[in-house]
Amino acid sequence: MSMDYEIQQAPKSSRSYIVTLLLAMFLSGFGIHRFYTGYILIGIIQLLTAGGFGIWALIDLIALVMNSYRDAEGNELEGHNAGCAMIVGIVLIISFVMGGISTMLSFFSH
């Protein structure tokens, strides 16, 4: 008795992971990465709210680093690069730590 299992791969998007990541890093306050991946309405909302006051933009960046961001059709972005994602993740963490340290120093210096 033989059981054959078919492994189905999720369909890939025609949209690039690297392009989406770069758009999210540098233009997420304008929602440009959302327009690029087909989320027109969300892109407009992010454009009008400066990336959801920065919070939504940060969540999108984290989703991209974790490779859980999908295009509007639910497809995985083409060309996920784990090394690039790790570098962006490290930069995000360092930015938060440095921002926190800077805030603490400015708070105690006054």
N, C-alpha and C. Protein backbone atom coordinates (compact mmCIF):
# COMPACT_ATOMS: atom_id res chain seq x y z
N MET A 1 0.84 -1.18 0.00
CA MET A 1 0.00 0.00 0.00
C MET A 1 0.89 1.24 0.00
N SER A 2 0.85 1.95 -1.05
CA SER A 2 1.69 3.13 -1.22
C SER A 2 0.85 4.38 -1.20
N MET A 3 1.30 5.35 -0.45
CA MET A 3 0.59 6.63 -0.40
C MET A 3 1.46 7.68 -1.04
N ASP A 4 0.96 8.29 -2.06
CA ASP A 4 1.69 9.35 -2.72
C ASP A 4 1.14 10.69 -2.24
N TYR A 5 2.04 11.47 -1.75
CA TYR A 5 1.66 12.80 -1.30
C TYR A 5 2.18 13.82 -2.29
N GLU A 6 1.31 14.68 -2.70
CA GLU A 6 1.70 15.76 -3.59
C GLU A 6 1.94 17.01 -2.76
N ILE A 7 3.08 17.56 -2.97
CA ILE A 7 3.39 18.80 -2.28
C ILE A 7 3.05 19.95 -3.22
N GLN A 8 2.10 20.73 -2.79
CA GLN A 8 1.70 21.86 -3.62
C GLN A 8 2.45 23.10 -3.17
N GLN A 9 3.05 23.77 -4.11
CA GLN A 9 3.71 25.02 -3.79
C GLN A 9 2.74 26.17 -3.98
N ALA A 10 2.83 27.11 -3.05
CA ALA A 10 1.97 28.29 -3.14
C ALA A 10 2.33 29.06 -4.40
N PRO A 11 1.34 29.61 -5.07
CA PRO A 11 1.64 30.39 -6.27
C PRO A 11 2.47 31.61 -5.92
N LYS A 12 3.40 31.94 -6.80
CA LYS A 12 4.27 33.09 -6.59
C LYS A 12 3.66 34.31 -7.27
N SER A 13 3.89 35.45 -6.66
CA SER A 13 3.43 36.71 -7.20
C SER A 13 4.36 37.15 -8.32
N SER A 14 3.87 38.00 -9.17
CA SER A 14 4.73 38.60 -10.18
C SER A 14 5.46 39.81 -9.62
N ARG A 15 5.16 40.15 -8.38
CA ARG A 15 5.77 41.31 -7.73
C ARG A 15 7.00 40.87 -6.94
N SER A 16 8.03 41.68 -6.99
CA SER A 16 9.32 41.36 -6.39
C SER A 16 9.36 41.63 -4.89
N TYR A 17 9.94 40.69 -4.16
CA TYR A 17 10.13 40.85 -2.72
C TYR A 17 11.08 42.02 -2.43
N ILE A 18 12.19 42.07 -3.15
CA ILE A 18 13.20 43.10 -2.91
C ILE A 18 12.64 44.49 -3.19
N VAL A 19 11.91 44.63 -4.30
CA VAL A 19 11.31 45.93 -4.63
C VAL A 19 10.32 46.33 -3.54
N THR A 20 9.50 45.40 -3.10
CA THR A 20 8.52 45.69 -2.04
C THR A 20 9.22 46.08 -0.76
N LEU A 21 10.28 45.36 -0.41
CA LEU A 21 11.03 45.66 0.81
C LEU A 21 11.66 47.05 0.75
N LEU A 22 12.26 47.40 -0.38
CA LEU A 22 12.87 48.72 -0.53
C LEU A 22 11.82 49.83 -0.48
N LEU A 23 10.68 49.60 -1.13
CA LEU A 23 9.60 50.60 -1.09
C LEU A 23 9.09 50.77 0.34
N ALA A 24 8.96 49.65 1.07
CA ALA A 24 8.48 49.73 2.45
C ALA A 24 9.49 50.42 3.35
N MET A 25 10.78 50.20 3.09
CA MET A 25 11.81 50.83 3.92
C MET A 25 11.86 52.34 3.72
N PHE A 26 11.78 52.77 2.47
CA PHE A 26 12.02 54.19 2.18
C PHE A 26 10.77 55.02 1.93
N LEU A 27 9.66 54.38 1.54
CA LEU A 27 8.45 55.14 1.20
C LEU A 27 7.19 54.61 1.89
N SER A 28 7.38 53.88 3.00
CA SER A 28 6.21 53.27 3.65
C SER A 28 5.25 54.31 4.21
N GLY A 29 5.74 55.49 4.53
CA GLY A 29 4.85 56.56 5.02
C GLY A 29 3.86 57.01 3.97
N PHE A 30 4.15 56.71 2.71
CA PHE A 30 3.25 57.06 1.62
C PHE A 30 2.44 55.86 1.13
N GLY A 31 2.69 54.67 1.68
CA GLY A 31 1.96 53.46 1.28
C GLY A 31 2.30 52.96 -0.11
N ILE A 32 3.44 53.37 -0.66
CA ILE A 32 3.80 53.02 -2.04
C ILE A 32 3.92 51.51 -2.20
N HIS A 33 4.47 50.82 -1.19
CA HIS A 33 4.60 49.37 -1.29
C HIS A 33 3.24 48.69 -1.37
N ARG A 34 2.22 49.29 -0.77
CA ARG A 34 0.86 48.74 -0.86
C ARG A 34 0.30 48.90 -2.27
N PHE A 35 0.53 50.05 -2.88
CA PHE A 35 0.10 50.23 -4.27
C PHE A 35 0.80 49.21 -5.16
N TYR A 36 2.11 49.03 -4.96
CA TYR A 36 2.90 48.11 -5.78
C TYR A 36 2.38 46.67 -5.68
N THR A 37 1.95 46.25 -4.50
CA THR A 37 1.50 44.88 -4.31
C THR A 37 0.00 44.70 -4.53
N GLY A 38 -0.67 45.75 -5.02
CA GLY A 38 -2.06 45.61 -5.43
C GLY A 38 -3.10 46.03 -4.41
N TYR A 39 -2.68 46.51 -3.26
CA TYR A 39 -3.61 46.96 -2.22
C TYR A 39 -3.87 48.45 -2.39
N ILE A 40 -4.68 48.80 -3.37
CA ILE A 40 -4.90 50.21 -3.71
C ILE A 40 -5.59 50.97 -2.57
N LEU A 41 -6.67 50.44 -2.03
CA LEU A 41 -7.41 51.13 -0.97
C LEU A 41 -6.53 51.31 0.28
N ILE A 42 -5.84 50.27 0.68
CA ILE A 42 -4.96 50.37 1.85
C ILE A 42 -3.84 51.36 1.56
N GLY A 43 -3.34 51.37 0.32
CA GLY A 43 -2.31 52.34 -0.07
C GLY A 43 -2.80 53.76 0.08
N ILE A 44 -4.03 54.01 -0.33
CA ILE A 44 -4.61 55.36 -0.19
C ILE A 44 -4.74 55.74 1.28
N ILE A 45 -5.21 54.78 2.09
CA ILE A 45 -5.35 55.05 3.53
C ILE A 45 -3.99 55.34 4.16
N GLN A 46 -2.98 54.55 3.79
CA GLN A 46 -1.64 54.80 4.34
C GLN A 46 -1.09 56.14 3.85
N LEU A 47 -1.39 56.48 2.62
CA LEU A 47 -0.94 57.76 2.07
C LEU A 47 -1.54 58.92 2.87
N LEU A 48 -2.81 58.81 3.20
CA LEU A 48 -3.51 59.88 3.91
C LEU A 48 -3.18 59.94 5.40
N THR A 49 -2.67 58.83 5.97
CA THR A 49 -2.39 58.78 7.41
C THR A 49 -0.91 58.63 7.72
N ALA A 50 -0.05 58.91 6.74
CA ALA A 50 1.41 58.78 6.91
C ALA A 50 1.77 57.38 7.40
N GLY A 51 1.29 56.40 6.66
CA GLY A 51 1.62 55.01 7.00
C GLY A 51 0.94 54.55 8.27
N GLY A 52 -0.26 55.04 8.50
CA GLY A 52 -0.97 54.68 9.74
C GLY A 52 -0.23 55.23 10.94
N PHE A 53 0.24 56.49 10.81
CA PHE A 53 1.01 57.18 11.84
C PHE A 53 2.29 56.42 12.18
N GLY A 54 2.82 55.72 11.18
CA GLY A 54 4.07 54.99 11.33
C GLY A 54 3.90 53.58 11.84
N ILE A 55 2.82 53.32 12.53
CA ILE A 55 2.61 52.00 13.14
C ILE A 55 2.33 50.96 12.06
N TRP A 56 1.44 51.27 11.16
CA TRP A 56 1.08 50.34 10.08
C TRP A 56 2.29 50.06 9.19
N ALA A 57 3.06 51.12 8.92
CA ALA A 57 4.26 50.96 8.11
C ALA A 57 5.25 50.03 8.79
N LEU A 58 5.41 50.16 10.09
CA LEU A 58 6.31 49.29 10.85
C LEU A 58 5.83 47.85 10.82
N ILE A 59 4.54 47.65 10.98
CA ILE A 59 3.98 46.29 10.92
C ILE A 59 4.23 45.66 9.56
N ASP A 60 4.06 46.45 8.49
CA ASP A 60 4.33 45.93 7.14
C ASP A 60 5.79 45.54 6.98
N LEU A 61 6.70 46.36 7.51
CA LEU A 61 8.12 46.05 7.43
C LEU A 61 8.45 44.75 8.17
N ILE A 62 7.88 44.59 9.35
CA ILE A 62 8.10 43.36 10.12
C ILE A 62 7.53 42.16 9.37
N ALA A 63 6.35 42.31 8.77
CA ALA A 63 5.77 41.21 7.98
C ALA A 63 6.66 40.86 6.80
N LEU A 64 7.27 41.85 6.18
CA LEU A 64 8.19 41.58 5.07
C LEU A 64 9.44 40.85 5.56
N VAL A 65 9.99 41.29 6.68
CA VAL A 65 11.18 40.63 7.23
C VAL A 65 10.86 39.17 7.58
N MET A 66 9.68 38.92 8.11
CA MET A 66 9.27 37.57 8.51
C MET A 66 8.75 36.74 7.33
N ASN A 67 8.71 37.31 6.15
CA ASN A 67 8.20 36.68 4.92
C ASN A 67 6.74 36.24 5.06
N SER A 68 5.95 37.03 5.76
CA SER A 68 4.53 36.72 5.87
C SER A 68 3.67 37.72 5.10
N TYR A 69 4.28 38.66 4.42
CA TYR A 69 3.56 39.65 3.62
C TYR A 69 3.20 39.02 2.28
N ARG A 70 1.95 39.17 1.86
CA ARG A 70 1.48 38.62 0.59
C ARG A 70 0.92 39.74 -0.26
N ASP A 71 0.85 39.51 -1.57
CA ASP A 71 0.26 40.52 -2.45
C ASP A 71 -1.26 40.47 -2.34
N ALA A 72 -1.95 41.31 -3.07
CA ALA A 72 -3.41 41.43 -2.97
C ALA A 72 -4.13 40.14 -3.35
N GLU A 73 -3.49 39.29 -4.15
CA GLU A 73 -4.11 38.01 -4.53
C GLU A 73 -3.76 36.90 -3.53
N GLY A 74 -3.00 37.21 -2.49
CA GLY A 74 -2.62 36.23 -1.49
C GLY A 74 -1.40 35.41 -1.85
N ASN A 75 -0.68 35.82 -2.88
CA ASN A 75 0.49 35.08 -3.32
C ASN A 75 1.76 35.58 -2.64
N GLU A 76 2.70 34.65 -2.44
CA GLU A 76 4.00 34.99 -1.88
C GLU A 76 4.79 35.82 -2.89
N LEU A 77 5.48 36.81 -2.41
CA LEU A 77 6.25 37.68 -3.30
C LEU A 77 7.42 36.90 -3.91
N GLU A 78 7.75 37.25 -5.13
CA GLU A 78 8.80 36.56 -5.88
C GLU A 78 10.19 36.97 -5.40
N GLY A 79 11.05 35.99 -5.18
CA GLY A 79 12.45 36.27 -4.90
C GLY A 79 12.76 36.64 -3.47
N HIS A 80 12.10 36.00 -2.50
CA HIS A 80 12.41 36.28 -1.09
C HIS A 80 13.89 36.05 -0.85
N ASN A 81 14.53 37.00 -0.19
CA ASN A 81 15.96 36.93 0.10
C ASN A 81 16.13 36.97 1.61
N ALA A 82 16.45 35.81 2.20
CA ALA A 82 16.56 35.71 3.66
C ALA A 82 17.67 36.58 4.21
N GLY A 83 18.77 36.70 3.48
CA GLY A 83 19.89 37.53 3.93
C GLY A 83 19.50 38.99 4.00
N CYS A 84 18.83 39.45 2.98
CA CYS A 84 18.37 40.84 2.94
C CYS A 84 17.36 41.09 4.06
N ALA A 85 16.48 40.15 4.28
CA ALA A 85 15.48 40.28 5.34
C ALA A 85 16.15 40.35 6.71
N MET A 86 17.20 39.56 6.90
CA MET A 86 17.90 39.56 8.18
C MET A 86 18.60 40.90 8.41
N ILE A 87 19.20 41.45 7.37
CA ILE A 87 19.87 42.74 7.50
C ILE A 87 18.86 43.83 7.87
N VAL A 88 17.71 43.84 7.20
CA VAL A 88 16.67 44.83 7.50
C VAL A 88 16.16 44.64 8.93
N GLY A 89 15.97 43.39 9.34
CA GLY A 89 15.53 43.11 10.71
C GLY A 89 16.51 43.62 11.74
N ILE A 90 17.80 43.40 11.50
CA ILE A 90 18.83 43.88 12.43
C ILE A 90 18.85 45.41 12.47
N VAL A 91 18.72 46.05 11.31
CA VAL A 91 18.68 47.51 11.27
C VAL A 91 17.46 48.03 12.04
N LEU A 92 16.32 47.37 11.91
CA LEU A 92 15.13 47.78 12.67
C LEU A 92 15.36 47.69 14.17
N ILE A 93 15.95 46.57 14.60
CA ILE A 93 16.20 46.37 16.03
C ILE A 93 17.18 47.42 16.54
N ILE A 94 18.27 47.64 15.82
CA ILE A 94 19.25 48.65 16.23
C ILE A 94 18.62 50.03 16.28
N SER A 95 17.77 50.35 15.31
CA SER A 95 17.09 51.65 15.29
C SER A 95 16.22 51.84 16.52
N PHE A 96 15.48 50.80 16.91
CA PHE A 96 14.64 50.91 18.09
C PHE A 96 15.47 51.06 19.36
N VAL A 97 16.54 50.29 19.47
CA VAL A 97 17.39 50.39 20.65
C VAL A 97 18.02 51.77 20.74
N MET A 98 18.57 52.25 19.62
CA MET A 98 19.21 53.57 19.62
C MET A 98 18.18 54.67 19.88
N GLY A 99 16.99 54.53 19.32
CA GLY A 99 15.93 55.50 19.58
C GLY A 99 15.53 55.52 21.04
N GLY A 100 15.44 54.35 21.64
CA GLY A 100 15.11 54.26 23.06
C GLY A 100 16.19 54.86 23.93
N ILE A 101 17.45 54.58 23.60
CA ILE A 101 18.56 55.15 24.36
C ILE A 101 18.57 56.67 24.22
N SER A 102 18.37 57.15 23.01
CA SER A 102 18.34 58.60 22.76
C SER A 102 17.20 59.27 23.53
N THR A 103 16.05 58.64 23.56
CA THR A 103 14.91 59.18 24.30
C THR A 103 15.21 59.23 25.80
N MET A 104 15.80 58.16 26.31
CA MET A 104 16.12 58.12 27.74
C MET A 104 17.15 59.18 28.09
N LEU A 105 18.17 59.35 27.24
CA LEU A 105 19.19 60.36 27.52
C LEU A 105 18.62 61.76 27.48
N SER A 106 17.75 62.03 26.51
CA SER A 106 17.16 63.37 26.43
C SER A 106 16.21 63.61 27.60
N PHE A 107 15.55 62.57 28.08
CA PHE A 107 14.64 62.70 29.21
C PHE A 107 15.41 63.04 30.48
N PHE A 108 16.54 62.36 30.71
CA PHE A 108 17.29 62.56 31.93
C PHE A 108 18.18 63.79 31.88
N SER A 109 18.42 64.33 30.70
CA SER A 109 19.28 65.51 30.61
C SER A 109 18.54 66.81 30.87
N HIS A 110 17.23 66.75 30.97
CA HIS A 110 16.45 67.98 31.21
C HIS A 110 16.07 68.09 32.63
